[in-house]
Amino acid sequence: MIARILYFVFLLVLMSNTSLFAQDTLRISYSDFVEQALNNSGQLDYEQQNVKLAKNRVDMAKSQRILPSMKFSSQHGLVPAVKSDSTLPWGEPLPRDEYYLDPNLRNDWEDWGVFNRFEVSAAQPLFTWGAINTAIEAARLGAESARYSFQAKKADLETKLFELYFSYVLAMEVERLLDEAQNKIDDITKELDKALEEGDQDIDGADIYKFEIFKSEFDIQKQEVAGNMEFIRETWNYVLRNDEGIIYEPETRFLDPLATKIEPVDFYHQSALNNRPELKALRKGAEATRTYISSLKKKNLPGLFLGGYIKYANTPNRPRQDNPFIQNTTNLFTGGFGLSIRMNLNFFSIRASLERSRIELRKVSYAQEAAQDGILLDLYDKYRKAVLADTKVEKTDEALVTSKKWLREEQLDFDIGMGDVKDYVDALKKELELKLKLKQNTFELNKSLARLNKAAGLPLNTLITN
């Protein structure tokens, strides 16, 4: 019984250790890879600050609605008292609340007191011809423009991450193809060595040399693939900020053409005009500038404000004057409110500000036209490359089917001793070449489709889900 318990505990420990070792390699899906890489991107964090600044400008514009001008100030210190030697006609000392009547009033440097004064003033706009609401709308449109600019940067990075993810899949596919080819090369080598040992006279020495050259070139290709794989792994570690020693691998194990049909070019043309975030950002920017110009015009009109203030000062060793027309700045409590009309009369500054905004509006309009031309030219180029890549995949696949038939025939002839080594090696080389070319063309097709979608303003996740 004890032996069974110990055996059971041993199995549990072994299973737990196995699970820990299994955690060293983690397969990650495309969506998780992109999400994690975007979260770790310093470039996006930098661009995100522009969005936050734009939102802050909206908050600042909204803050002008309620008490945009409200100030508080205070003063504190030590001041001497005052004394008077004057008397009333009947001989009594002059009362403290009448010290202001004494022309010979002087400081009492032997009596010091604490002086405190507080002042609050505020102004509330009542009517500004809609200038505040228009300024808020202009700031909101500017925030939308910043958000679309951020989306454009994000789309660029997502396209690069798409290529990076599937370049790893391509590298794994190439490794598998080379391993398969290595097995066939090893089989041919064994057969040739056996034939040479048996003294087969049908084997040509030139064919042996060519085969040895092919093996050397094949080894070089394997080293290139291994180096490329190491570079991809290091890039993945950097993008995913992998500091825990986890080995990440793509969850997708085989590289196949994306199940996406290439639509007519007009479809992508219209989609680019409607969905490209760069164009949306420029449109919102132009709208924000027009709204801001309207806000400037309204802001320069007379505005009605309600203003008020409160002042309070206290110094115990100084007299307080009860007469409201006689104020002692060291001992007082007063306040007031009223209506105010404000208007900017600096017409030269007004004209210059409006002209500057109009220039900026024209600049944005020209930028929009230039960006649209550049986007459409880039779209046509991406569309041409995608169509060509699709044709290459189709024709390469057809050629690969033919090469497999050729290799099968040569292998059968070689197995029964009737084949030619040169023909067998040529067939093997051609099949390997076409397999590698098909995978490379498939990768180029998928990459072209991703770039085409990005050029048309379409999300890349539609390529994967389809």
Protein backbone atom coordinates (compact mmCIF):
# COMPACT_ATOMS: atom_id res chain seq x y z
CA MET A 1 0.00 0.00 0.00
CA ILE A 2 2.83 2.38 0.93
CA ALA A 3 4.60 1.51 -2.30
CA ARG A 4 1.50 2.45 -4.30
CA ILE A 5 1.18 5.77 -2.48
CA LEU A 6 4.84 6.58 -3.13
CA TYR A 7 4.44 5.65 -6.78
CA PHE A 8 1.35 7.90 -7.06
CA VAL A 9 3.21 10.80 -5.45
CA PHE A 10 6.12 10.24 -7.84
CA LEU A 11 3.75 10.44 -10.81
CA LEU A 12 2.25 13.70 -9.52
CA VAL A 13 5.69 15.23 -9.08
CA LEU A 14 6.72 14.07 -12.53
CA MET A 15 3.55 15.51 -14.11
CA SER A 16 4.00 18.84 -12.32
CA ASN A 17 7.62 19.06 -13.48
CA THR A 18 6.54 18.22 -17.01
CA SER A 19 3.99 21.03 -16.99
CA LEU A 20 6.63 23.44 -15.75
CA PHE A 21 9.02 22.48 -18.53
CA ALA A 22 6.19 22.75 -21.07
CA GLN A 23 5.68 26.36 -20.07
CA ASP A 24 9.10 27.23 -21.48
CA THR A 25 7.64 27.08 -25.00
CA LEU A 26 4.41 28.94 -25.64
CA ARG A 27 2.40 28.92 -28.84
CA ILE A 28 0.73 32.24 -29.42
CA SER A 29 -2.09 33.05 -31.81
CA TYR A 30 -1.89 35.88 -34.31
CA SER A 31 -4.43 38.03 -32.44
CA ASP A 32 -2.65 37.57 -29.09
CA PHE A 33 0.72 38.27 -30.72
CA VAL A 34 -0.52 41.54 -32.21
CA GLU A 35 -2.27 42.60 -29.00
CA GLN A 36 0.79 41.96 -26.85
CA ALA A 37 3.13 43.65 -29.32
CA LEU A 38 0.89 46.73 -29.56
CA ASN A 39 0.71 46.98 -25.77
CA ASN A 40 4.52 46.93 -25.63
CA SER A 41 5.05 49.41 -28.45
CA GLY A 42 6.81 52.59 -27.37
CA GLN A 43 5.95 54.15 -30.72
CA LEU A 44 2.22 53.78 -30.06
CA ASP A 45 2.65 55.08 -26.52
CA TYR A 46 4.28 58.17 -28.00
CA GLU A 47 1.54 58.68 -30.57
CA GLN A 48 -1.11 58.11 -27.88
CA GLN A 49 0.09 61.25 -26.11
CA ASN A 50 -1.08 63.36 -29.06
CA VAL A 51 -4.58 61.94 -28.57
CA LYS A 52 -4.46 62.73 -24.86
CA LEU A 53 -3.26 66.27 -25.57
CA ALA A 54 -6.16 66.76 -27.99
CA LYS A 55 -8.63 65.52 -25.36
CA ASN A 56 -7.03 67.88 -22.86
CA ARG A 57 -7.68 70.80 -25.24
CA VAL A 58 -11.36 69.79 -25.29
CA ASP A 59 -11.44 69.86 -21.49
CA MET A 60 -9.74 73.24 -21.48
CA ALA A 61 -12.30 74.63 -23.92
CA LYS A 62 -15.16 73.27 -21.78
CA SER A 63 -13.63 74.89 -18.70
CA GLN A 64 -14.37 78.32 -20.23
CA ARG A 65 -18.11 77.79 -19.62
CA ILE A 66 -18.08 78.09 -15.83
CA LEU A 67 -16.02 80.83 -14.12
CA PRO A 68 -13.19 80.92 -16.67
CA SER A 69 -11.61 83.76 -14.70
CA MET A 70 -11.45 83.18 -10.93
CA LYS A 71 -8.53 84.38 -8.82
CA PHE A 72 -7.56 84.16 -5.17
CA SER A 73 -4.70 86.01 -3.50
CA SER A 74 -3.53 86.56 0.06
CA GLN A 75 -0.88 88.63 1.87
CA HIS A 76 0.54 88.08 5.35
CA GLY A 77 3.11 89.90 7.47
CA LEU A 78 3.95 92.07 10.47
CA VAL A 79 2.94 95.76 10.58
CA PRO A 80 3.31 98.46 13.27
CA ALA A 81 0.32 100.00 14.99
CA VAL A 82 -0.59 103.69 14.64
CA LYS A 83 -0.94 106.30 17.35
CA SER A 84 -2.30 109.82 17.56
CA ASP A 85 -1.61 112.62 20.05
CA SER A 86 -4.56 114.72 18.85
CA THR A 87 -7.51 115.44 21.13
CA LEU A 88 -11.08 116.57 20.73
CA PRO A 89 -12.00 120.21 21.51
CA TRP A 90 -13.14 119.20 25.01
CA GLY A 91 -9.82 117.46 25.68
CA GLU A 92 -10.66 113.80 25.17
CA PRO A 93 -8.27 111.64 23.04
CA LEU A 94 -9.20 111.25 19.36
CA PRO A 95 -11.28 108.01 18.92
CA ARG A 96 -9.57 105.20 16.93
CA ASP A 97 -12.26 105.20 14.24
CA GLU A 98 -11.42 108.88 13.55
CA TYR A 99 -7.69 108.48 13.23
CA TYR A 100 -8.01 109.19 9.52
CA LEU A 101 -8.80 112.84 10.49
CA ASP A 102 -5.45 113.29 12.20
CA PRO A 103 -2.89 114.79 9.80
CA ASN A 104 -0.17 114.01 12.36
CA LEU A 105 -0.96 110.29 12.65
CA ARG A 106 2.23 108.20 12.89
CA ASN A 107 3.41 104.60 13.23
CA ASP A 108 3.88 103.09 16.65
CA TRP A 109 7.12 101.13 16.19
CA GLU A 110 6.82 99.62 19.64
CA ASP A 111 3.53 97.85 18.88
CA TRP A 112 3.58 95.15 16.14
CA GLY A 113 0.70 93.03 14.89
CA VAL A 114 -0.01 90.22 12.39
CA PHE A 115 -1.48 91.41 9.08
CA ASN A 116 -3.69 89.10 6.93
CA ARG A 117 -5.52 90.01 3.74
CA PHE A 118 -7.54 87.80 1.34
CA GLU A 119 -9.07 88.65 -2.04
CA VAL A 120 -11.28 86.63 -4.41
CA SER A 121 -12.43 87.84 -7.85
CA ALA A 122 -14.39 86.00 -10.54
CA ALA A 123 -16.06 86.57 -13.91
CA GLN A 124 -18.81 84.46 -15.49
CA PRO A 125 -19.65 84.80 -19.22
CA LEU A 126 -23.37 85.32 -19.83
CA PHE A 127 -23.52 85.89 -23.58
CA THR A 128 -20.65 85.44 -26.06
CA TRP A 129 -22.50 84.84 -29.36
CA GLY A 130 -21.77 81.11 -29.08
CA ALA A 131 -18.00 81.60 -29.14
CA ILE A 132 -17.39 79.18 -26.27
CA ASN A 133 -19.53 76.37 -27.71
CA THR A 134 -17.92 76.85 -31.12
CA ALA A 135 -14.45 76.68 -29.58
CA ILE A 136 -15.43 73.44 -27.81
CA GLU A 137 -16.66 71.98 -31.09
CA ALA A 138 -13.40 72.97 -32.82
CA ALA A 139 -11.40 71.26 -30.05
CA ARG A 140 -13.58 68.15 -30.30
CA LEU A 141 -13.01 67.92 -34.06
CA GLY A 142 -9.29 68.35 -33.46
CA ALA A 143 -9.40 65.45 -31.00
CA GLU A 144 -11.10 63.26 -33.62
CA SER A 145 -8.40 64.21 -36.11
CA ALA A 146 -5.72 63.19 -33.61
CA ARG A 147 -7.51 59.89 -32.98
CA TYR A 148 -7.59 59.07 -36.71
CA SER A 149 -3.89 59.95 -37.00
CA PHE A 150 -3.21 57.51 -34.17
CA GLN A 151 -5.22 54.82 -35.99
CA ALA A 152 -3.09 55.38 -39.10
CA LYS A 153 0.11 54.80 -37.10
CA LYS A 154 -1.45 51.74 -35.50
CA ALA A 155 -2.44 50.33 -38.91
CA ASP A 156 1.16 50.71 -40.13
CA LEU A 157 2.45 48.81 -37.12
CA GLU A 158 -0.20 46.09 -37.43
CA THR A 159 0.87 45.48 -41.03
CA LYS A 160 4.50 45.04 -39.93
CA LEU A 161 3.43 42.69 -37.15
CA PHE A 162 1.38 40.67 -39.66
CA GLU A 163 4.49 40.19 -41.79
CA LEU A 164 6.62 39.39 -38.74
CA TYR A 165 4.21 36.75 -37.44
CA PHE A 166 3.88 34.90 -40.72
CA SER A 167 7.57 35.21 -41.52
CA TYR A 168 8.06 32.90 -38.51
CA VAL A 169 5.50 30.48 -40.00
CA LEU A 170 7.34 30.64 -43.33
CA ALA A 171 10.66 29.92 -41.61
CA MET A 172 9.19 26.83 -39.91
CA GLU A 173 7.74 25.64 -43.22
CA VAL A 174 11.12 26.04 -44.92
CA GLU A 175 12.80 24.14 -42.09
CA ARG A 176 10.38 21.23 -42.55
CA LEU A 177 10.93 21.19 -46.32
CA LEU A 178 14.69 21.16 -45.87
CA ASP A 179 14.42 18.33 -43.36
CA GLU A 180 12.36 16.31 -45.84
CA ALA A 181 14.86 17.07 -48.59
CA GLN A 182 17.72 16.09 -46.28
CA ASN A 183 16.15 12.67 -45.77
CA LYS A 184 15.92 12.14 -49.52
CA ILE A 185 19.50 13.35 -49.99
CA ASP A 186 20.64 10.91 -47.32
CA ASP A 187 18.81 8.08 -49.12
CA ILE A 188 20.48 8.96 -52.43
CA THR A 189 23.86 9.15 -50.72
CA LYS A 190 23.39 5.67 -49.26
CA GLU A 191 22.35 4.25 -52.60
CA LEU A 192 25.31 5.84 -54.37
CA ASP A 193 27.76 4.62 -51.75
CA LYS A 194 26.31 1.12 -52.04
CA ALA A 195 26.52 1.21 -55.84
CA LEU A 196 30.13 2.38 -55.73
CA GLU A 197 31.07 -0.34 -53.28
CA GLU A 198 29.50 -2.93 -55.59
CA GLY A 199 31.41 -1.48 -58.52
CA ASP A 200 28.40 -0.35 -60.55
CA GLN A 201 29.76 0.82 -63.92
CA ASP A 202 26.60 2.75 -64.86
CA ILE A 203 27.35 5.55 -62.41
CA ASP A 204 29.07 8.49 -64.06
CA GLY A 205 31.76 10.30 -62.05
CA ALA A 206 30.48 13.67 -63.26
CA ASP A 207 27.09 12.91 -61.74
CA ILE A 208 28.77 12.15 -58.41
CA TYR A 209 30.58 15.49 -58.47
CA LYS A 210 27.40 17.34 -59.35
CA PHE A 211 25.59 15.62 -56.50
CA GLU A 212 28.35 16.57 -54.06
CA ILE A 213 28.13 20.19 -55.22
CA PHE A 214 24.36 20.06 -54.76
CA LYS A 215 24.80 18.81 -51.17
CA SER A 216 27.24 21.64 -50.40
CA GLU A 217 24.85 24.23 -51.80
CA PHE A 218 22.05 22.59 -49.83
CA ASP A 219 24.05 22.88 -46.60
CA ILE A 220 24.61 26.59 -47.29
CA GLN A 221 20.89 27.03 -47.76
CA LYS A 222 20.21 25.25 -44.45
CA GLN A 223 22.63 27.58 -42.66
CA GLU A 224 20.92 30.62 -44.17
CA VAL A 225 17.54 29.36 -43.00
CA ALA A 226 18.91 28.68 -39.49
CA GLY A 227 20.34 32.20 -39.31
CA ASN A 228 17.09 33.69 -40.53
CA MET A 229 15.15 31.70 -37.92
CA GLU A 230 17.42 32.96 -35.14
CA PHE A 231 16.94 36.55 -36.30
CA ILE A 232 13.16 36.11 -36.32
CA ARG A 233 13.19 34.64 -32.81
CA GLU A 234 15.24 37.56 -31.50
CA THR A 235 12.87 40.01 -33.17
CA TRP A 236 9.91 38.24 -31.58
CA ASN A 237 11.54 38.43 -28.15
CA TYR A 238 12.08 42.16 -28.59
CA VAL A 239 8.58 42.88 -29.88
CA LEU A 240 6.93 40.81 -27.13
CA ARG A 241 9.31 42.19 -24.46
CA ASN A 242 10.13 38.62 -23.50
CA ASP A 243 12.21 38.93 -20.32
CA GLU A 244 11.13 35.64 -18.73
CA GLY A 245 12.97 33.27 -21.07
CA ILE A 246 9.79 31.95 -22.67
CA ILE A 247 10.19 30.56 -26.19
CA TYR A 248 7.32 31.90 -28.27
CA GLU A 249 6.19 30.13 -31.41
CA PRO A 250 3.28 30.88 -33.74
CA GLU A 251 0.15 28.87 -33.15
CA THR A 252 -0.29 28.66 -36.92
CA ARG A 253 1.94 25.84 -38.09
CA PHE A 254 1.33 25.80 -41.85
CA LEU A 255 1.51 28.63 -44.32
CA ASP A 256 -1.46 28.56 -46.70
CA PRO A 257 -2.88 31.25 -48.96
CA LEU A 258 -5.42 33.44 -47.20
CA ALA A 259 -8.99 32.54 -48.08
CA THR A 260 -9.68 36.00 -49.43
CA LYS A 261 -10.86 36.80 -52.91
CA ILE A 262 -9.29 39.83 -54.55
CA GLU A 263 -12.08 42.24 -55.36
CA PRO A 264 -12.14 44.61 -58.36
CA VAL A 265 -9.89 47.63 -57.99
CA ASP A 266 -12.89 50.00 -57.77
CA PHE A 267 -13.90 48.33 -54.52
CA TYR A 268 -10.53 49.12 -52.92
CA HIS A 269 -10.52 52.60 -54.48
CA GLN A 270 -13.81 53.54 -52.85
CA SER A 271 -12.86 51.87 -49.60
CA ALA A 272 -9.63 53.89 -49.41
CA LEU A 273 -11.49 57.17 -49.91
CA ASN A 274 -13.99 56.28 -47.19
CA ASN A 275 -11.90 54.39 -44.66
CA ARG A 276 -8.27 55.50 -44.74
CA PRO A 277 -7.63 57.09 -41.31
CA GLU A 278 -5.13 59.55 -42.80
CA LEU A 279 -7.85 61.06 -45.00
CA LYS A 280 -10.33 61.06 -42.12
CA ALA A 281 -7.77 62.89 -39.97
CA LEU A 282 -7.26 65.56 -42.64
CA ARG A 283 -11.01 65.98 -43.17
CA LYS A 284 -11.59 66.41 -39.45
CA GLY A 285 -8.61 68.76 -39.28
CA ALA A 286 -10.06 70.96 -42.02
CA GLU A 287 -13.46 70.96 -40.31
CA ALA A 288 -11.83 71.84 -36.99
CA THR A 289 -9.99 74.77 -38.60
CA ARG A 290 -13.18 76.13 -40.16
CA THR A 291 -14.95 75.86 -36.83
CA TYR A 292 -12.05 77.57 -35.08
CA ILE A 293 -12.24 80.49 -37.55
CA SER A 294 -15.93 80.85 -36.72
CA SER A 295 -15.05 80.81 -33.03
CA LEU A 296 -12.47 83.58 -33.52
CA LYS A 297 -15.02 85.79 -35.28
CA LYS A 298 -17.56 85.34 -32.49
CA LYS A 299 -14.93 85.80 -29.81
CA ASN A 300 -14.08 89.24 -31.14
CA LEU A 301 -17.67 90.45 -30.77
CA PRO A 302 -18.78 92.25 -27.55
CA GLY A 303 -19.40 89.76 -24.75
CA LEU A 304 -21.51 90.16 -21.62
CA PHE A 305 -20.00 88.99 -18.33
CA LEU A 306 -21.07 88.94 -14.68
CA GLY A 307 -18.19 89.83 -12.35
CA GLY A 308 -17.68 90.08 -8.61
CA TYR A 309 -15.06 90.35 -5.88
CA ILE A 310 -14.62 89.98 -2.12
CA LYS A 311 -11.85 91.55 -0.04
CA TYR A 312 -11.10 90.86 3.60
CA ALA A 313 -8.22 92.14 5.74
CA ASN A 314 -7.58 91.92 9.47
CA THR A 315 -4.86 93.50 11.64
CA PRO A 316 -5.72 93.61 15.38
CA ASN A 317 -3.48 96.58 16.21
CA ARG A 318 -4.92 98.78 13.46
CA PRO A 319 -8.31 100.62 13.67
CA ARG A 320 -11.22 99.53 11.48
CA GLN A 321 -13.09 102.32 9.67
CA ASP A 322 -16.87 101.99 9.61
CA ASN A 323 -17.30 104.66 6.96
CA PRO A 324 -17.61 102.81 3.59
CA PHE A 325 -15.97 105.76 1.82
CA ILE A 326 -12.95 105.59 4.10
CA GLN A 327 -11.03 102.33 3.76
CA ASN A 328 -8.18 101.04 5.86
CA THR A 329 -6.42 98.48 3.69
CA THR A 330 -5.20 96.61 6.75
CA ASN A 331 -8.67 96.19 8.31
CA LEU A 332 -11.61 95.86 5.93
CA PHE A 333 -14.35 93.64 4.55
CA THR A 334 -15.90 94.65 1.24
CA GLY A 335 -17.20 93.20 -2.00
CA GLY A 336 -19.41 93.75 -4.99
CA PHE A 337 -20.71 92.37 -8.30
CA GLY A 338 -21.97 93.73 -11.59
CA LEU A 339 -22.20 93.36 -15.35
CA SER A 340 -19.31 93.91 -17.73
CA ILE A 341 -18.99 94.17 -21.50
CA ARG A 342 -15.70 93.01 -22.96
CA MET A 343 -14.50 93.45 -26.52
CA ASN A 344 -11.13 93.10 -28.19
CA LEU A 345 -10.36 96.34 -30.02
CA ASN A 346 -6.96 95.28 -31.34
CA PHE A 347 -8.23 95.00 -34.91
CA PHE A 348 -4.79 94.44 -36.42
CA SER A 349 -4.23 91.41 -34.17
CA ILE A 350 -7.72 90.13 -34.97
CA ARG A 351 -7.12 90.41 -38.70
CA ALA A 352 -3.73 88.67 -38.44
CA SER A 353 -5.20 85.79 -36.39
CA LEU A 354 -8.00 85.23 -38.87
CA GLU A 355 -5.63 85.35 -41.84
CA ARG A 356 -3.34 82.83 -40.16
CA SER A 357 -6.25 80.45 -39.62
CA ARG A 358 -7.32 80.81 -43.25
CA ILE A 359 -3.77 79.98 -44.37
CA GLU A 360 -3.81 76.89 -42.16
CA LEU A 361 -7.15 75.88 -43.67
CA ARG A 362 -5.75 76.15 -47.20
CA LYS A 363 -2.70 74.19 -46.09
CA VAL A 364 -4.88 71.39 -44.75
CA SER A 365 -6.92 71.36 -47.97
CA TYR A 366 -3.79 71.03 -50.11
CA ALA A 367 -2.46 68.33 -47.77
CA GLN A 368 -5.72 66.45 -48.17
CA GLU A 369 -5.48 66.53 -51.97
CA ALA A 370 -1.83 65.47 -51.90
CA ALA A 371 -2.51 62.65 -49.42
CA GLN A 372 -5.43 61.38 -51.51
CA ASP A 373 -3.28 61.30 -54.65
CA GLY A 374 -0.49 59.48 -52.84
CA ILE A 375 -2.87 56.99 -51.23
CA LEU A 376 -4.55 56.10 -54.52
CA LEU A 377 -1.24 55.68 -56.36
CA ASP A 378 0.00 53.44 -53.56
CA LEU A 379 -3.28 51.51 -53.68
CA TYR A 380 -2.97 50.79 -57.39
CA ASP A 381 0.61 49.57 -56.87
CA LYS A 382 -0.45 47.29 -53.97
CA TYR A 383 -3.35 45.96 -56.05
CA ARG A 384 -1.05 45.15 -58.97
CA LYS A 385 1.37 43.31 -56.70
CA ALA A 386 -1.44 41.34 -55.03
CA VAL A 387 -2.86 40.19 -58.38
CA LEU A 388 0.63 39.21 -59.59
CA ALA A 389 1.34 37.35 -56.34
CA ASP A 390 -1.93 35.44 -56.67
CA THR A 391 -0.97 34.38 -60.21
CA LYS A 392 2.48 33.29 -59.04
CA VAL A 393 1.00 31.07 -56.35
CA GLU A 394 -1.40 29.47 -58.81
CA LYS A 395 1.22 28.78 -61.48
CA THR A 396 3.87 27.63 -59.00
CA ASP A 397 1.40 25.15 -57.55
CA GLU A 398 0.73 23.78 -61.03
CA ALA A 399 4.46 23.44 -61.67
CA LEU A 400 4.93 21.71 -58.30
CA VAL A 401 2.32 19.08 -59.22
CA THR A 402 4.24 18.35 -62.43
CA SER A 403 7.58 18.18 -60.62
CA LYS A 404 6.18 15.68 -58.11
CA LYS A 405 5.16 13.40 -60.99
CA TRP A 406 8.62 13.73 -62.50
CA LEU A 407 10.34 12.97 -59.15
CA ARG A 408 8.08 9.95 -58.57
CA GLU A 409 9.05 8.47 -61.94
CA GLU A 410 12.75 9.12 -61.42
CA GLN A 411 12.60 7.65 -57.92
CA LEU A 412 10.91 4.48 -59.20
CA ASP A 413 13.51 4.11 -61.95
CA PHE A 414 16.32 4.72 -59.47
CA ASP A 415 14.93 2.15 -57.01
CA ILE A 416 14.86 -0.60 -59.66
CA GLY A 417 18.31 0.32 -60.90
CA MET A 418 17.27 1.77 -64.26
CA GLY A 419 17.39 5.45 -63.39
CA ASP A 420 20.04 8.09 -63.90
CA VAL A 421 21.47 9.80 -60.80
CA LYS A 422 21.63 13.14 -62.60
CA ASP A 423 17.96 12.99 -63.57
CA TYR A 424 16.99 11.91 -60.06
CA VAL A 425 18.95 14.78 -58.49
CA ASP A 426 17.57 17.27 -61.03
CA ALA A 427 14.03 16.15 -60.22
CA LEU A 428 14.73 16.38 -56.50
CA LYS A 429 16.27 19.84 -56.87
CA LYS A 430 13.34 21.07 -58.96
CA GLU A 431 10.75 19.75 -56.50
CA LEU A 432 12.57 21.31 -53.55
CA GLU A 433 13.00 24.55 -55.45
CA LEU A 434 9.30 24.70 -56.34
CA LYS A 435 8.20 23.79 -52.80
CA LEU A 436 10.32 26.57 -51.37
CA LYS A 437 9.17 28.94 -54.09
CA LEU A 438 5.52 28.07 -53.43
CA LYS A 439 5.90 28.83 -49.73
CA GLN A 440 7.74 32.05 -50.49
CA ASN A 441 5.12 33.07 -53.06
CA THR A 442 2.36 32.20 -50.58
CA PHE A 443 4.00 34.43 -48.01
CA GLU A 444 4.33 37.21 -50.59
CA LEU A 445 0.66 36.78 -51.53
CA ASN A 446 -0.51 37.01 -47.93
CA LYS A 447 1.77 39.98 -47.34
CA SER A 448 0.45 41.66 -50.50
CA LEU A 449 -3.14 41.09 -49.38
CA ALA A 450 -2.35 42.58 -45.96
CA ARG A 451 -0.75 45.63 -47.55
CA LEU A 452 -3.66 45.94 -49.98
CA ASN A 453 -6.15 45.86 -47.11
CA LYS A 454 -4.13 48.47 -45.25
CA ALA A 455 -3.96 50.66 -48.37
CA ALA A 456 -7.75 50.38 -48.70
CA GLY A 457 -8.35 51.16 -45.03
CA LEU A 458 -9.70 47.67 -44.30
CA PRO A 459 -8.89 45.91 -41.00
CA LEU A 460 -6.34 43.11 -41.21
CA ASN A 461 -8.26 40.81 -38.88
CA THR A 462 -10.77 40.24 -41.68
CA LEU A 463 -8.03 38.40 -43.58
CA ILE A 464 -7.44 36.01 -40.69
CA THR A 465 -11.09 35.40 -39.79
CA ASN A 466 -11.96 34.71 -43.40
